[in-house]
C-alpha cells in the first residue's frame, strides 16, 4: 500500500471506531507509539499497543470524536483528532485536540507520535 492508501484507510477505520482493524492490517509488528506523557509515553510492538489500548479503555469513556482527512508527504502523514472524553478515575469530562504523525515503511505504519497540550 502507498502512504496515501494507508492514511486513508486509517482515517476510515478511526471514523468507524474500527481501530482494531487498523492494528491488524496497517501496523508493522515493529511499531513504536509515542505519547506526550506517561504512563504510556512510548510503547513498542503489538503487545505494547494492546497494553496501551487496554489502559485507554480502563481510564477513559469516549462520548464523541472527529477525525480529519490526512495530510500526506512522502512516507509520512498527519491526522487531527478531536475527542470528548470522561476520565473514569476522576469523573472529569474534557475535550481535546491532538495531531497524530505517522511514518510508513514497506506499506505499514511503523511509527506514530501524538502531539497535544499537557499539564506538564
C-alpha atoms as a PDB file:
ATOM      1  CA  UNK A   1       0.000   0.000   0.000  1.00  0.00           C
ATOM      2  CA  UNK A   2       1.110   3.557  -0.629  1.00  0.00           C
ATOM      3  CA  UNK A   3       1.374   6.044   2.224  1.00  0.00           C
ATOM      4  CA  UNK A   4      -1.805   7.750   0.991  1.00  0.00           C
ATOM      5  CA  UNK A   5      -3.687   4.436   0.898  1.00  0.00           C
ATOM      6  CA  UNK A   6      -2.545   3.605   4.439  1.00  0.00           C
ATOM      7  CA  UNK A   7      -3.531   7.102   5.620  1.00  0.00           C
ATOM      8  CA  UNK A   8      -6.972   6.978   4.006  1.00  0.00           C
ATOM      9  CA  UNK A   9      -7.662   3.518   5.413  1.00  0.00           C
ATOM     10  CA  UNK A  10      -6.556   4.508   8.926  1.00  0.00           C
ATOM     11  CA  UNK A  11      -8.882   7.523   8.851  1.00  0.00           C
ATOM     12  CA  UNK A  12     -11.776   5.352   7.642  1.00  0.00           C
ATOM     13  CA  UNK A  13     -11.208   2.842  10.450  1.00  0.00           C
ATOM     14  CA  UNK A  14     -10.937   5.592  13.089  1.00  0.00           C
ATOM     15  CA  UNK A  15     -14.124   7.283  11.872  1.00  0.00           C
ATOM     16  CA  UNK A  16     -15.959   3.964  12.167  1.00  0.00           C
ATOM     17  CA  UNK A  17     -14.496   3.046  15.580  1.00  0.00           C
ATOM     18  CA  UNK A  18     -12.667   0.106  13.983  1.00  0.00           C
ATOM     19  CA  UNK A  19      -9.171   0.857  15.244  1.00  0.00           C
ATOM     20  CA  UNK A  20      -8.635  -2.870  15.883  1.00  0.00           C
ATOM     21  CA  UNK A  21      -8.779  -3.428  12.112  1.00  0.00           C
ATOM     22  CA  UNK A  22      -6.114  -0.750  11.623  1.00  0.00           C
ATOM     23  CA  UNK A  23      -3.820  -2.506  14.096  1.00  0.00           C
ATOM     24  CA  UNK A  24      -4.366  -5.857  12.350  1.00  0.00           C
ATOM     25  CA  UNK A  25      -3.959  -4.606   8.773  1.00  0.00           C
ATOM     26  CA  UNK A  26      -1.953  -1.371   8.726  1.00  0.00           C
ATOM     27  CA  UNK A  27       0.595  -1.601  11.532  1.00  0.00           C
ATOM     28  CA  UNK A  28       4.057  -3.136  11.429  1.00  0.00           C
ATOM     29  CA  UNK A  29       4.909  -5.669  14.150  1.00  0.00           C
ATOM     30  CA  UNK A  30       7.830  -3.308  14.888  1.00  0.00           C
ATOM     31  CA  UNK A  31       5.511  -0.343  15.628  1.00  0.00           C
ATOM     32  CA  UNK A  32       6.632   2.348  18.051  1.00  0.00           C
ATOM     33  CA  UNK A  33       3.888   4.543  19.535  1.00  0.00           C
ATOM     34  CA  UNK A  34       4.849   7.755  21.341  1.00  0.00           C
ATOM     35  CA  UNK A  35       2.660   9.955  23.560  1.00  0.00           C
ATOM     36  CA  UNK A  36       3.436  13.305  25.191  1.00  0.00           C
ATOM     37  CA  UNK A  37       3.472  11.944  28.748  1.00  0.00           C
ATOM     38  CA  UNK A  38       3.347   8.874  30.959  1.00  0.00           C
ATOM     39  CA  UNK A  39       2.064   6.318  31.727  1.00  0.00           C
ATOM     40  CA  UNK A  40       2.180   5.162  28.108  1.00  0.00           C
ATOM     41  CA  UNK A  41       4.853   7.586  26.826  1.00  0.00           C
ATOM     42  CA  UNK A  42       6.441   5.030  24.496  1.00  0.00           C
ATOM     43  CA  UNK A  43       5.347   1.504  23.655  1.00  0.00           C
ATOM     44  CA  UNK A  44       6.741  -0.931  21.119  1.00  0.00           C
ATOM     45  CA  UNK A  45       5.224  -3.780  19.143  1.00  0.00           C
ATOM     46  CA  UNK A  46       1.737  -5.203  19.094  1.00  0.00           C
ATOM     47  CA  UNK A  47       1.993  -6.181  22.769  1.00  0.00           C
ATOM     48  CA  UNK A  48       2.719  -2.561  23.676  1.00  0.00           C
ATOM     49  CA  UNK A  49      -0.201  -1.314  21.567  1.00  0.00           C
ATOM     50  CA  UNK A  50      -2.517  -3.825  23.212  1.00  0.00           C
ATOM     51  CA  UNK A  51      -1.473  -2.681  26.700  1.00  0.00           C
ATOM     52  CA  UNK A  52      -1.910   0.953  25.673  1.00  0.00           C
ATOM     53  CA  UNK A  53      -5.392   0.236  24.314  1.00  0.00           C
ATOM     54  CA  UNK A  54      -6.374  -1.616  27.478  1.00  0.00           C
ATOM     55  CA  UNK A  55      -5.124   1.289  29.621  1.00  0.00           C
ATOM     56  CA  UNK A  56      -7.172   3.718  27.499  1.00  0.00           C
ATOM     57  CA  UNK A  57     -10.377   1.665  27.858  1.00  0.00           C
ATOM     58  CA  UNK A  58      -9.887   1.361  31.617  1.00  0.00           C
ATOM     59  CA  UNK A  59      -9.321   5.090  32.083  1.00  0.00           C
ATOM     60  CA  UNK A  60     -11.495   6.927  29.540  1.00  0.00           C
ATOM     61  CA  UNK A  61     -15.074   6.918  28.324  1.00  0.00           C
ATOM     62  CA  UNK A  62     -15.392   8.444  24.851  1.00  0.00           C
ATOM     63  CA  UNK A  63     -18.552  10.487  24.221  1.00  0.00           C
ATOM     64  CA  UNK A  64     -17.604  11.689  20.747  1.00  0.00           C
ATOM     65  CA  UNK A  65     -14.729  12.083  18.327  1.00  0.00           C
ATOM     66  CA  UNK A  66     -13.862  13.536  14.955  1.00  0.00           C
ATOM     67  CA  UNK A  67     -11.010  12.647  12.613  1.00  0.00           C
ATOM     68  CA  UNK A  68      -9.642  14.957   9.917  1.00  0.00           C
ATOM     69  CA  UNK A  69      -8.633  13.981   6.429  1.00  0.00           C
ATOM     70  CA  UNK A  70      -4.947  13.034   6.316  1.00  0.00           C
ATOM     71  CA  UNK A  71      -2.152  15.284   5.069  1.00  0.00           C
ATOM     72  CA  UNK A  72       0.393  13.132   3.232  1.00  0.00           C
ATOM     73  CA  UNK A  73       4.039  13.885   2.427  1.00  0.00           C
ATOM     74  CA  UNK A  74       6.292  11.111   1.112  1.00  0.00           C
ATOM     75  CA  UNK A  75       6.400   8.372   3.775  1.00  0.00           C
ATOM     76  CA  UNK A  76       4.602  10.427   6.431  1.00  0.00           C
ATOM     77  CA  UNK A  77       1.086  11.593   7.134  1.00  0.00           C
ATOM     78  CA  UNK A  78      -0.678  13.579   9.834  1.00  0.00           C
ATOM     79  CA  UNK A  79      -4.231  13.448  11.145  1.00  0.00           C
ATOM     80  CA  UNK A  80      -6.010  15.707  13.641  1.00  0.00           C
ATOM     81  CA  UNK A  81      -8.212  14.028  16.248  1.00  0.00           C
ATOM     82  CA  UNK A  82     -10.821  15.760  18.425  1.00  0.00           C
ATOM     83  CA  UNK A  83     -12.183  13.845  21.412  1.00  0.00           C
ATOM     84  CA  UNK A  84     -14.803  14.401  24.097  1.00  0.00           C
ATOM     85  CA  UNK A  85     -13.945  12.072  26.994  1.00  0.00           C
ATOM     86  CA  UNK A  86     -14.502  11.448  30.672  1.00  0.00           C
ATOM     87  CA  UNK A  87     -11.520  10.374  32.765  1.00  0.00           C
ATOM     88  CA  UNK A  88     -13.077   7.468  34.668  1.00  0.00           C
ATOM     89  CA  UNK A  89     -10.961   7.657  37.859  1.00  0.00           C
ATOM     90  CA  UNK A  90     -11.679  11.378  38.422  1.00  0.00           C
ATOM     91  CA  UNK A  91     -15.022  11.746  36.628  1.00  0.00           C
ATOM     92  CA  UNK A  92     -13.630  14.822  34.841  1.00  0.00           C
ATOM     93  CA  UNK A  93     -15.042  15.401  31.368  1.00  0.00           C
ATOM     94  CA  UNK A  94     -12.943  17.279  28.828  1.00  0.00           C
ATOM     95  CA  UNK A  95     -12.411  17.876  25.147  1.00  0.00           C
ATOM     96  CA  UNK A  96      -9.047  17.778  23.443  1.00  0.00           C
ATOM     97  CA  UNK A  97      -7.376  18.048  20.067  1.00  0.00           C
ATOM     98  CA  UNK A  98      -4.308  16.105  19.094  1.00  0.00           C
ATOM     99  CA  UNK A  99      -2.217  15.623  15.992  1.00  0.00           C
ATOM    100  CA  UNK A 100      -1.062  12.137  15.115  1.00  0.00           C
ATOM    101  CA  UNK A 101       2.021  11.928  12.900  1.00  0.00           C
ATOM    102  CA  UNK A 102       2.650   8.563  11.248  1.00  0.00           C
ATOM    103  CA  UNK A 103       5.597   7.127   9.381  1.00  0.00           C
ATOM    104  CA  UNK A 104       5.047   4.375   6.825  1.00  0.00           C
ATOM    105  CA  UNK A 105       7.669   1.863   5.675  1.00  0.00           C
ATOM    106  CA  UNK A 106       7.021  -1.024   3.297  1.00  0.00           C
ATOM    107  CA  UNK A 107       3.292  -0.279   3.293  1.00  0.00           C
ATOM    108  CA  UNK A 108       2.897  -0.428   7.106  1.00  0.00           C
ATOM    109  CA  UNK A 109       2.785   2.130   9.912  1.00  0.00           C
ATOM    110  CA  UNK A 110       5.957   1.586  11.893  1.00  0.00           C
ATOM    111  CA  UNK A 111       5.921   4.782  13.991  1.00  0.00           C
ATOM    112  CA  UNK A 112       3.188   7.017  15.353  1.00  0.00           C
ATOM    113  CA  UNK A 113       3.559  10.034  17.594  1.00  0.00           C
ATOM    114  CA  UNK A 114       0.847  12.163  19.154  1.00  0.00           C
ATOM    115  CA  UNK A 115       1.073  15.874  19.987  1.00  0.00           C
ATOM    116  CA  UNK A 116      -1.326  17.662  22.349  1.00  0.00           C
ATOM    117  CA  UNK A 117      -1.333  20.078  25.272  1.00  0.00           C
ATOM    118  CA  UNK A 118      -0.364  18.586  28.633  1.00  0.00           C
ATOM    119  CA  UNK A 119      -0.277  19.982  32.129  1.00  0.00           C
ATOM    120  CA  UNK A 120       3.459  19.328  32.295  1.00  0.00           C
END
